[in-house]
Amino acid sequence: MEQKPTSSFAAAVMPGIYLGVALIVFRLILFLLDVEMESYLNWTIYVVLAIGLYLGIINFRDKHRGGLISYGNAFGAGFAIGLFASLIMGIFTYFFVEYIDTSLVGQVMIKAEEGMLAQNPDMTDEQLDQALSMVKIFSSPVMMAVLGFVYNLVISVIFSLIIAIFAKREDRSIA
């Protein structure tokens, strides 16, 4: 009797958790080195994300699909891995902003104010206050966690679409 292949969603739980933990460790390293606000270093997290997704998809292909996987199944595995990793990162972001780096919201507000004044130096105090009130809404720990989850998931989807091209391996034998 032939065994039914494992669903990509069920098989993605552990790789997603591992990827989420790897992303958390990377973020904490950036925080401890006090370089998390350096934009060029923040881009390196995408390398960690891409490698984690690639390894997770390849693991799913080789261990749960017998070495063969379609583009759609490879993308589905990448999406599910990214979903779990993004969920873990979202939860971590909330706790990080709320309890670990409580000054982050203030730093975001200062950068936003500087950016607004640089873009529009003639901005009145009333306009600036109104714009900063909107920034403050989106800078709360809950909103940062939700937006971080959505952002990480979107990036994971984009990477999964690309990685699935290289990870797919279809059966080309004639039955």
N, C-alpha and C. Protein backbone atom coordinates (compact mmCIF):
# COMPACT_ATOMS: atom_id res chain seq x y z
N MET A 1 0.84 -1.18 0.00
CA MET A 1 0.00 0.00 0.00
C MET A 1 0.89 1.24 0.00
N GLU A 2 0.60 2.16 -0.89
CA GLU A 2 1.40 3.38 -1.01
C GLU A 2 1.02 4.36 0.08
N GLN A 3 2.04 4.96 0.68
CA GLN A 3 1.82 5.92 1.75
C GLN A 3 1.45 7.28 1.16
N LYS A 4 0.43 7.91 1.73
CA LYS A 4 0.01 9.23 1.28
C LYS A 4 1.06 10.26 1.70
N PRO A 5 1.46 11.18 0.79
CA PRO A 5 2.46 12.18 1.15
C PRO A 5 1.97 13.10 2.27
N THR A 6 2.90 13.51 3.09
CA THR A 6 2.60 14.43 4.18
C THR A 6 2.21 15.79 3.62
N SER A 7 1.24 16.44 4.25
CA SER A 7 0.87 17.78 3.78
C SER A 7 1.98 18.76 4.09
N SER A 8 2.11 19.76 3.23
CA SER A 8 3.17 20.74 3.43
C SER A 8 2.92 21.55 4.70
N PHE A 9 1.66 21.74 5.07
CA PHE A 9 1.35 22.52 6.26
C PHE A 9 1.81 21.80 7.52
N ALA A 10 1.52 20.51 7.62
CA ALA A 10 1.91 19.75 8.81
C ALA A 10 3.43 19.61 8.90
N ALA A 11 4.07 19.41 7.77
CA ALA A 11 5.53 19.23 7.77
C ALA A 11 6.28 20.54 7.98
N ALA A 12 5.59 21.67 7.87
CA ALA A 12 6.24 22.97 7.97
C ALA A 12 6.33 23.50 9.39
N VAL A 13 5.68 22.84 10.32
CA VAL A 13 5.64 23.36 11.69
C VAL A 13 7.05 23.47 12.27
N MET A 14 7.79 22.38 12.28
CA MET A 14 9.13 22.40 12.89
C MET A 14 10.10 23.28 12.12
N PRO A 15 10.19 23.18 10.78
CA PRO A 15 11.09 24.10 10.08
C PRO A 15 10.70 25.57 10.29
N GLY A 16 9.40 25.84 10.39
CA GLY A 16 8.95 27.21 10.65
C GLY A 16 9.36 27.69 12.03
N ILE A 17 9.28 26.80 13.01
CA ILE A 17 9.71 27.15 14.36
C ILE A 17 11.22 27.40 14.37
N TYR A 18 11.97 26.50 13.73
CA TYR A 18 13.43 26.67 13.67
C TYR A 18 13.80 27.99 13.00
N LEU A 19 13.13 28.30 11.90
CA LEU A 19 13.42 29.54 11.20
C LEU A 19 13.04 30.75 12.06
N GLY A 20 11.91 30.68 12.72
CA GLY A 20 11.50 31.77 13.61
C GLY A 20 12.51 31.99 14.72
N VAL A 21 13.00 30.92 15.31
CA VAL A 21 14.00 31.03 16.38
C VAL A 21 15.31 31.60 15.81
N ALA A 22 15.70 31.17 14.62
CA ALA A 22 16.93 31.70 14.00
C ALA A 22 16.79 33.20 13.75
N LEU A 23 15.63 33.63 13.29
CA LEU A 23 15.40 35.05 13.06
C LEU A 23 15.43 35.84 14.37
N ILE A 24 14.89 35.26 15.42
CA ILE A 24 14.92 35.91 16.74
C ILE A 24 16.36 36.05 17.23
N VAL A 25 17.13 34.98 17.11
CA VAL A 25 18.53 35.03 17.55
C VAL A 25 19.28 36.09 16.76
N PHE A 26 19.04 36.15 15.45
CA PHE A 26 19.71 37.16 14.63
C PHE A 26 19.33 38.56 15.06
N ARG A 27 18.04 38.79 15.31
CA ARG A 27 17.59 40.11 15.78
C ARG A 27 18.22 40.48 17.12
N LEU A 28 18.29 39.51 18.02
CA LEU A 28 18.89 39.77 19.33
C LEU A 28 20.39 40.08 19.21
N ILE A 29 21.08 39.40 18.30
CA ILE A 29 22.49 39.71 18.07
C ILE A 29 22.63 41.15 17.60
N LEU A 30 21.80 41.56 16.64
CA LEU A 30 21.85 42.94 16.16
C LEU A 30 21.57 43.92 17.30
N PHE A 31 20.62 43.57 18.16
CA PHE A 31 20.27 44.43 19.30
C PHE A 31 21.44 44.51 20.29
N LEU A 32 22.03 43.37 20.62
CA LEU A 32 23.11 43.35 21.59
C LEU A 32 24.36 44.07 21.07
N LEU A 33 24.58 44.03 19.77
CA LEU A 33 25.70 44.75 19.17
C LEU A 33 25.38 46.22 18.95
N ASP A 34 24.14 46.61 19.26
CA ASP A 34 23.66 47.98 19.12
C ASP A 34 23.78 48.49 17.68
N VAL A 35 23.44 47.62 16.73
CA VAL A 35 23.47 48.00 15.32
C VAL A 35 22.13 47.73 14.63
N GLU A 36 21.08 47.52 15.42
CA GLU A 36 19.79 47.18 14.82
C GLU A 36 19.18 48.33 14.02
N MET A 37 19.56 49.55 14.31
CA MET A 37 19.02 50.68 13.57
C MET A 37 19.86 50.99 12.32
N GLU A 38 20.96 50.26 12.11
CA GLU A 38 21.77 50.43 10.90
C GLU A 38 21.06 49.70 9.76
N SER A 39 20.57 50.44 8.81
CA SER A 39 19.71 49.86 7.78
C SER A 39 20.42 48.81 6.94
N TYR A 40 21.71 48.99 6.67
CA TYR A 40 22.39 48.02 5.83
C TYR A 40 22.52 46.66 6.52
N LEU A 41 22.59 46.62 7.84
CA LEU A 41 22.66 45.35 8.55
C LEU A 41 21.29 44.68 8.66
N ASN A 42 20.23 45.46 8.67
CA ASN A 42 18.89 44.88 8.73
C ASN A 42 18.57 44.07 7.47
N TRP A 43 19.19 44.41 6.37
CA TRP A 43 18.94 43.67 5.13
C TRP A 43 19.49 42.26 5.20
N THR A 44 20.47 42.01 6.07
CA THR A 44 21.05 40.67 6.16
C THR A 44 20.06 39.65 6.73
N ILE A 45 19.02 40.12 7.38
CA ILE A 45 18.03 39.18 7.91
C ILE A 45 17.31 38.46 6.77
N TYR A 46 17.26 39.10 5.61
CA TYR A 46 16.64 38.46 4.44
C TYR A 46 17.46 37.26 3.98
N VAL A 47 18.76 37.31 4.17
CA VAL A 47 19.60 36.17 3.84
C VAL A 47 19.25 35.00 4.74
N VAL A 48 19.11 35.26 6.03
CA VAL A 48 18.73 34.22 6.99
C VAL A 48 17.36 33.65 6.62
N LEU A 49 16.42 34.51 6.28
CA LEU A 49 15.08 34.07 5.90
C LEU A 49 15.12 33.22 4.64
N ALA A 50 15.84 33.65 3.63
CA ALA A 50 15.91 32.91 2.37
C ALA A 50 16.57 31.55 2.57
N ILE A 51 17.66 31.51 3.32
CA ILE A 51 18.34 30.24 3.58
C ILE A 51 17.42 29.30 4.36
N GLY A 52 16.74 29.82 5.37
CA GLY A 52 15.83 28.99 6.15
C GLY A 52 14.69 28.43 5.32
N LEU A 53 14.12 29.26 4.45
CA LEU A 53 13.05 28.79 3.57
C LEU A 53 13.57 27.73 2.61
N TYR A 54 14.73 27.98 2.03
CA TYR A 54 15.30 27.02 1.08
C TYR A 54 15.55 25.67 1.76
N LEU A 55 16.19 25.70 2.92
CA LEU A 55 16.48 24.45 3.63
C LEU A 55 15.20 23.74 4.04
N GLY A 56 14.19 24.49 4.46
CA GLY A 56 12.91 23.89 4.83
C GLY A 56 12.21 23.24 3.65
N ILE A 57 12.21 23.90 2.51
CA ILE A 57 11.57 23.34 1.31
C ILE A 57 12.32 22.09 0.85
N ILE A 58 13.64 22.16 0.83
CA ILE A 58 14.45 21.00 0.41
C ILE A 58 14.24 19.83 1.38
N ASN A 59 14.19 20.12 2.67
CA ASN A 59 13.93 19.09 3.67
C ASN A 59 12.57 18.44 3.43
N PHE A 60 11.56 19.26 3.17
CA PHE A 60 10.22 18.73 2.90
C PHE A 60 10.24 17.86 1.65
N ARG A 61 10.89 18.32 0.61
CA ARG A 61 10.96 17.57 -0.64
C ARG A 61 11.64 16.22 -0.42
N ASP A 62 12.78 16.22 0.24
CA ASP A 62 13.56 15.00 0.37
C ASP A 62 13.02 14.03 1.41
N LYS A 63 12.47 14.54 2.52
CA LYS A 63 12.03 13.65 3.60
C LYS A 63 10.56 13.27 3.53
N HIS A 64 9.73 14.13 2.97
CA HIS A 64 8.29 13.87 2.98
C HIS A 64 7.71 13.61 1.60
N ARG A 65 8.43 13.90 0.56
CA ARG A 65 7.92 13.72 -0.80
C ARG A 65 8.80 12.80 -1.64
N GLY A 66 9.69 12.10 -1.01
CA GLY A 66 10.52 11.13 -1.73
C GLY A 66 11.45 11.76 -2.76
N GLY A 67 11.85 12.98 -2.55
CA GLY A 67 12.78 13.64 -3.46
C GLY A 67 12.13 14.33 -4.64
N LEU A 68 10.81 14.22 -4.76
CA LEU A 68 10.09 14.84 -5.87
C LEU A 68 9.07 15.83 -5.33
N ILE A 69 8.98 16.98 -5.97
CA ILE A 69 8.01 17.98 -5.53
C ILE A 69 7.68 18.89 -6.71
N SER A 70 6.41 19.23 -6.82
CA SER A 70 5.99 20.17 -7.86
C SER A 70 6.25 21.59 -7.41
N TYR A 71 6.16 22.51 -8.35
CA TYR A 71 6.34 23.92 -8.01
C TYR A 71 5.32 24.36 -6.97
N GLY A 72 4.06 23.97 -7.17
CA GLY A 72 2.99 24.36 -6.25
C GLY A 72 3.20 23.82 -4.85
N ASN A 73 3.62 22.56 -4.74
CA ASN A 73 3.87 21.98 -3.41
C ASN A 73 5.10 22.61 -2.76
N ALA A 74 6.12 22.93 -3.55
CA ALA A 74 7.30 23.60 -3.01
C ALA A 74 6.92 24.99 -2.49
N PHE A 75 6.11 25.70 -3.27
CA PHE A 75 5.65 27.01 -2.81
C PHE A 75 4.80 26.87 -1.56
N GLY A 76 3.90 25.89 -1.54
CA GLY A 76 3.05 25.66 -0.36
C GLY A 76 3.86 25.38 0.89
N ALA A 77 4.92 24.59 0.75
CA ALA A 77 5.79 24.30 1.90
C ALA A 77 6.48 25.59 2.35
N GLY A 78 6.99 26.38 1.40
CA GLY A 78 7.64 27.64 1.75
C GLY A 78 6.68 28.61 2.41
N PHE A 79 5.45 28.67 1.89
CA PHE A 79 4.44 29.55 2.48
C PHE A 79 4.16 29.14 3.92
N ALA A 80 3.96 27.85 4.15
CA ALA A 80 3.65 27.37 5.50
C ALA A 80 4.81 27.60 6.46
N ILE A 81 6.03 27.36 6.00
CA ILE A 81 7.21 27.61 6.84
C ILE A 81 7.27 29.10 7.17
N GLY A 82 7.09 29.94 6.16
CA GLY A 82 7.10 31.39 6.37
C GLY A 82 5.99 31.86 7.29
N LEU A 83 4.83 31.21 7.21
CA LEU A 83 3.71 31.57 8.08
C LEU A 83 4.06 31.32 9.54
N PHE A 84 4.60 30.14 9.83
CA PHE A 84 4.97 29.83 11.22
C PHE A 84 6.10 30.73 11.71
N ALA A 85 7.11 30.95 10.87
CA ALA A 85 8.23 31.80 11.26
C ALA A 85 7.75 33.24 11.48
N SER A 86 6.85 33.72 10.63
CA SER A 86 6.32 35.09 10.77
C SER A 86 5.49 35.22 12.03
N LEU A 87 4.72 34.20 12.35
CA LEU A 87 3.92 34.21 13.58
C LEU A 87 4.83 34.29 14.81
N ILE A 88 5.87 33.49 14.82
CA ILE A 88 6.82 33.51 15.93
C ILE A 88 7.51 34.87 16.02
N MET A 89 7.91 35.42 14.88
CA MET A 89 8.56 36.74 14.87
C MET A 89 7.59 37.83 15.33
N GLY A 90 6.32 37.73 14.96
CA GLY A 90 5.32 38.71 15.39
C GLY A 90 5.16 38.70 16.91
N ILE A 91 5.08 37.52 17.48
CA ILE A 91 4.96 37.40 18.94
C ILE A 91 6.22 37.93 19.61
N PHE A 92 7.38 37.56 19.06
CA PHE A 92 8.64 38.06 19.60
C PHE A 92 8.70 39.59 19.52
N THR A 93 8.28 40.16 18.41
CA THR A 93 8.32 41.61 18.22
C THR A 93 7.52 42.32 19.31
N TYR A 94 6.34 41.80 19.61
CA TYR A 94 5.54 42.40 20.67
C TYR A 94 6.31 42.43 21.98
N PHE A 95 6.82 41.27 22.39
CA PHE A 95 7.53 41.20 23.67
C PHE A 95 8.82 42.01 23.64
N PHE A 96 9.49 42.04 22.49
CA PHE A 96 10.72 42.80 22.36
C PHE A 96 10.46 44.29 22.55
N VAL A 97 9.45 44.81 21.87
CA VAL A 97 9.15 46.24 21.94
C VAL A 97 8.54 46.61 23.29
N GLU A 98 7.74 45.73 23.84
CA GLU A 98 7.06 46.02 25.10
C GLU A 98 7.98 45.90 26.32
N TYR A 99 8.90 44.91 26.32
CA TYR A 99 9.66 44.63 27.52
C TYR A 99 11.18 44.73 27.39
N ILE A 100 11.74 44.51 26.22
CA ILE A 100 13.20 44.47 26.09
C ILE A 100 13.75 45.83 25.64
N ASP A 101 13.30 46.29 24.49
CA ASP A 101 13.80 47.57 23.95
C ASP A 101 12.66 48.57 23.99
N THR A 102 12.38 49.06 25.18
CA THR A 102 11.25 49.97 25.35
C THR A 102 11.52 51.34 24.72
N SER A 103 12.74 51.63 24.36
CA SER A 103 13.06 52.91 23.72
C SER A 103 12.84 52.88 22.21
N LEU A 104 12.52 51.72 21.65
CA LEU A 104 12.39 51.59 20.20
C LEU A 104 11.28 52.48 19.64
N VAL A 105 10.16 52.54 20.32
CA VAL A 105 9.05 53.38 19.84
C VAL A 105 9.50 54.84 19.79
N GLY A 106 10.21 55.31 20.79
CA GLY A 106 10.72 56.67 20.81
C GLY A 106 11.70 56.92 19.67
N GLN A 107 12.55 55.93 19.39
CA GLN A 107 13.50 56.06 18.28
C GLN A 107 12.77 56.14 16.95
N VAL A 108 11.73 55.34 16.79
CA VAL A 108 10.92 55.38 15.57
C VAL A 108 10.27 56.75 15.41
N MET A 109 9.76 57.29 16.51
CA MET A 109 9.11 58.60 16.46
C MET A 109 10.10 59.70 16.07
N ILE A 110 11.30 59.64 16.62
CA ILE A 110 12.33 60.64 16.30
C ILE A 110 12.73 60.55 14.83
N LYS A 111 12.95 59.32 14.34
CA LYS A 111 13.31 59.15 12.93
C LYS A 111 12.18 59.62 12.02
N ALA A 112 10.94 59.35 12.40
CA ALA A 112 9.80 59.77 11.59
C ALA A 112 9.73 61.30 11.54
N GLU A 113 9.92 61.93 12.69
CA GLU A 113 9.88 63.40 12.74
C GLU A 113 11.00 64.00 11.88
N GLU A 114 12.20 63.46 12.01
CA GLU A 114 13.32 63.95 11.21
C GLU A 114 13.05 63.78 9.72
N GLY A 115 12.50 62.63 9.36
CA GLY A 115 12.18 62.36 7.96
C GLY A 115 11.12 63.30 7.41
N MET A 116 10.09 63.56 8.21
CA MET A 116 9.03 64.46 7.77
C MET A 116 9.55 65.88 7.59
N LEU A 117 10.37 66.33 8.54
CA LEU A 117 10.91 67.69 8.45
C LEU A 117 11.92 67.83 7.31
N ALA A 118 12.65 66.76 7.03
CA ALA A 118 13.59 66.81 5.91
C ALA A 118 12.84 66.84 4.58
N GLN A 119 11.74 66.12 4.52
CA GLN A 119 10.95 66.07 3.28
C GLN A 119 10.14 67.35 3.08
N ASN A 120 9.64 67.90 4.17
CA ASN A 120 8.83 69.11 4.08
C ASN A 120 9.22 70.08 5.20
N PRO A 121 10.27 70.88 4.98
CA PRO A 121 10.73 71.77 6.06
C PRO A 121 9.73 72.87 6.43
N ASP A 122 8.77 73.16 5.57
CA ASP A 122 7.78 74.20 5.84
C ASP A 122 6.57 73.68 6.60
N MET A 123 6.64 72.46 7.09
CA MET A 123 5.52 71.85 7.80
C MET A 123 5.25 72.61 9.10
N THR A 124 3.99 72.92 9.35
CA THR A 124 3.63 73.61 10.59
C THR A 124 3.65 72.63 11.75
N ASP A 125 3.69 73.18 12.95
CA ASP A 125 3.69 72.33 14.14
C ASP A 125 2.41 71.49 14.22
N GLU A 126 1.29 72.07 13.80
CA GLU A 126 0.02 71.35 13.82
C GLU A 126 0.06 70.17 12.84
N GLN A 127 0.58 70.40 11.65
CA GLN A 127 0.68 69.32 10.66
C GLN A 127 1.63 68.23 11.16
N LEU A 128 2.73 68.64 11.75
CA LEU A 128 3.70 67.68 12.27
C LEU A 128 3.08 66.84 13.39
N ASP A 129 2.37 67.48 14.30
CA ASP A 129 1.72 66.76 15.39
C ASP A 129 0.68 65.77 14.87
N GLN A 130 -0.07 66.19 13.85
CA GLN A 130 -1.08 65.31 13.27
C GLN A 130 -0.41 64.10 12.60
N ALA A 131 0.66 64.33 11.86
CA ALA A 131 1.36 63.24 11.20
C ALA A 131 2.01 62.30 12.23
N LEU A 132 2.58 62.87 13.27
CA LEU A 132 3.21 62.05 14.30
C LEU A 132 2.19 61.26 15.10
N SER A 133 0.98 61.76 15.22
CA SER A 133 -0.06 60.99 15.92
C SER A 133 -0.40 59.72 15.14
N MET A 134 -0.35 59.80 13.81
CA MET A 134 -0.58 58.61 12.99
C MET A 134 0.58 57.62 13.13
N VAL A 135 1.78 58.16 13.16
CA VAL A 135 2.96 57.30 13.34
C VAL A 135 2.89 56.60 14.69
N LYS A 136 2.44 57.32 15.72
CA LYS A 136 2.35 56.75 17.06
C LYS A 136 1.37 55.57 17.10
N ILE A 137 0.27 55.69 16.37
CA ILE A 137 -0.72 54.60 16.32
C ILE A 137 -0.07 53.33 15.77
N PHE A 138 0.72 53.49 14.70
CA PHE A 138 1.34 52.34 14.06
C PHE A 138 2.63 51.92 14.74
N SER A 139 3.06 52.64 15.76
CA SER A 139 4.29 52.32 16.48
C SER A 139 4.02 51.67 17.83
N SER A 140 2.79 51.35 18.13
CA SER A 140 2.51 50.66 19.39
C SER A 140 3.05 49.23 19.27
N PRO A 141 3.37 48.59 20.39
CA PRO A 141 3.89 47.22 20.34
C PRO A 141 2.96 46.25 19.60
N VAL A 142 1.67 46.38 19.81
CA VAL A 142 0.73 45.48 19.15
C VAL A 142 0.75 45.71 17.63
N MET A 143 0.69 46.97 17.21
CA MET A 143 0.70 47.26 15.78
C MET A 143 2.03 46.88 15.14
N MET A 144 3.13 47.09 15.85
CA MET A 144 4.43 46.70 15.31
C MET A 144 4.49 45.18 15.14
N ALA A 145 3.90 44.44 16.06
CA ALA A 145 3.88 42.98 15.96
C ALA A 145 3.01 42.53 14.78
N VAL A 146 1.84 43.13 14.65
CA VAL A 146 0.93 42.76 13.56
C VAL A 146 1.54 43.13 12.20
N LEU A 147 2.05 44.35 12.10
CA LEU A 147 2.66 44.77 10.84
C LEU A 147 3.92 43.97 10.54
N GLY A 148 4.69 43.63 11.57
CA GLY A 148 5.87 42.78 11.37
C GLY A 148 5.48 41.40 10.87
N PHE A 149 4.42 40.84 11.43
CA PHE A 149 3.92 39.53 10.98
C PHE A 149 3.54 39.59 9.50
N VAL A 150 2.74 40.59 9.14
CA VAL A 150 2.29 40.72 7.75
C VAL A 150 3.48 40.95 6.82
N TYR A 151 4.37 41.83 7.21
CA TYR A 151 5.54 42.14 6.38
C TYR A 151 6.41 40.89 6.18
N ASN A 152 6.71 40.17 7.27
CA ASN A 152 7.52 38.95 7.15
C ASN A 152 6.82 37.90 6.31
N LEU A 153 5.50 37.80 6.43
CA LEU A 153 4.77 36.83 5.63
C LEU A 153 4.83 37.19 4.15
N VAL A 154 4.67 38.46 3.82
CA VAL A 154 4.75 38.88 2.41
C VAL A 154 6.13 38.59 1.84
N ILE A 155 7.17 38.92 2.60
CA ILE A 155 8.54 38.65 2.14
C ILE A 155 8.75 37.14 1.99
N SER A 156 8.22 36.35 2.91
CA SER A 156 8.34 34.89 2.82
C SER A 156 7.64 34.36 1.58
N VAL A 157 6.49 34.92 1.25
CA VAL A 157 5.77 34.50 0.05
C VAL A 157 6.59 34.80 -1.20
N ILE A 158 7.15 35.99 -1.26
CA ILE A 158 7.97 36.37 -2.42
C ILE A 158 9.17 35.43 -2.54
N PHE A 159 9.87 35.21 -1.43
CA PHE A 159 11.02 34.30 -1.46
C PHE A 159 10.60 32.88 -1.82
N SER A 160 9.46 32.43 -1.30
CA SER A 160 8.99 31.07 -1.59
C SER A 160 8.65 30.91 -3.07
N LEU A 161 8.08 31.94 -3.67
CA LEU A 161 7.80 31.88 -5.10
C LEU A 161 9.08 31.70 -5.91
N ILE A 162 10.13 32.35 -5.50
CA ILE A 162 11.40 32.26 -6.21
C ILE A 162 12.11 30.95 -5.90
N ILE A 163 12.18 30.59 -4.62
CA ILE A 163 12.90 29.38 -4.21
C ILE A 163 12.24 28.13 -4.77
N ALA A 164 10.92 28.13 -4.88
CA ALA A 164 10.21 26.96 -5.41
C ALA A 164 10.63 26.64 -6.84
N ILE A 165 11.04 27.64 -7.59
CA ILE A 165 11.52 27.42 -8.96
C ILE A 165 12.74 26.50 -8.94
N PHE A 166 13.64 26.74 -7.99
CA PHE A 166 14.88 25.99 -7.92
C PHE A 166 14.74 24.70 -7.13
N ALA A 167 13.77 24.61 -6.25
CA ALA A 167 13.61 23.43 -5.40
C ALA A 167 12.74 22.36 -6.03
N LYS A 168 11.93 22.72 -7.01
CA LYS A 168 11.02 21.71 -7.59
C LYS A 168 11.83 20.61 -8.28
N ARG A 169 11.32 19.43 -8.18
CA ARG A 169 11.92 18.28 -8.84
C ARG A 169 10.77 17.34 -9.16
N GLU A 170 10.43 17.27 -10.43
CA GLU A 170 9.29 16.46 -10.84
C GLU A 170 9.75 15.15 -11.46
N ASP A 171 8.90 14.16 -11.38
CA ASP A 171 9.19 12.84 -11.93
C ASP A 171 9.12 12.91 -13.44
N ARG A 172 10.22 12.63 -14.08
CA ARG A 172 10.28 12.68 -15.55
C ARG A 172 10.34 11.28 -16.17
N SER A 173 10.18 10.26 -15.33
CA SER A 173 10.21 8.90 -15.87
C SER A 173 8.89 8.57 -16.55
N ILE A 174 8.97 7.70 -17.51
CA ILE A 174 7.78 7.27 -18.24
C ILE A 174 7.24 6.03 -17.56
N ALA A 175 5.99 6.08 -17.17
CA ALA A 175 5.38 4.97 -16.43
C ALA A 175 4.98 3.84 -17.32
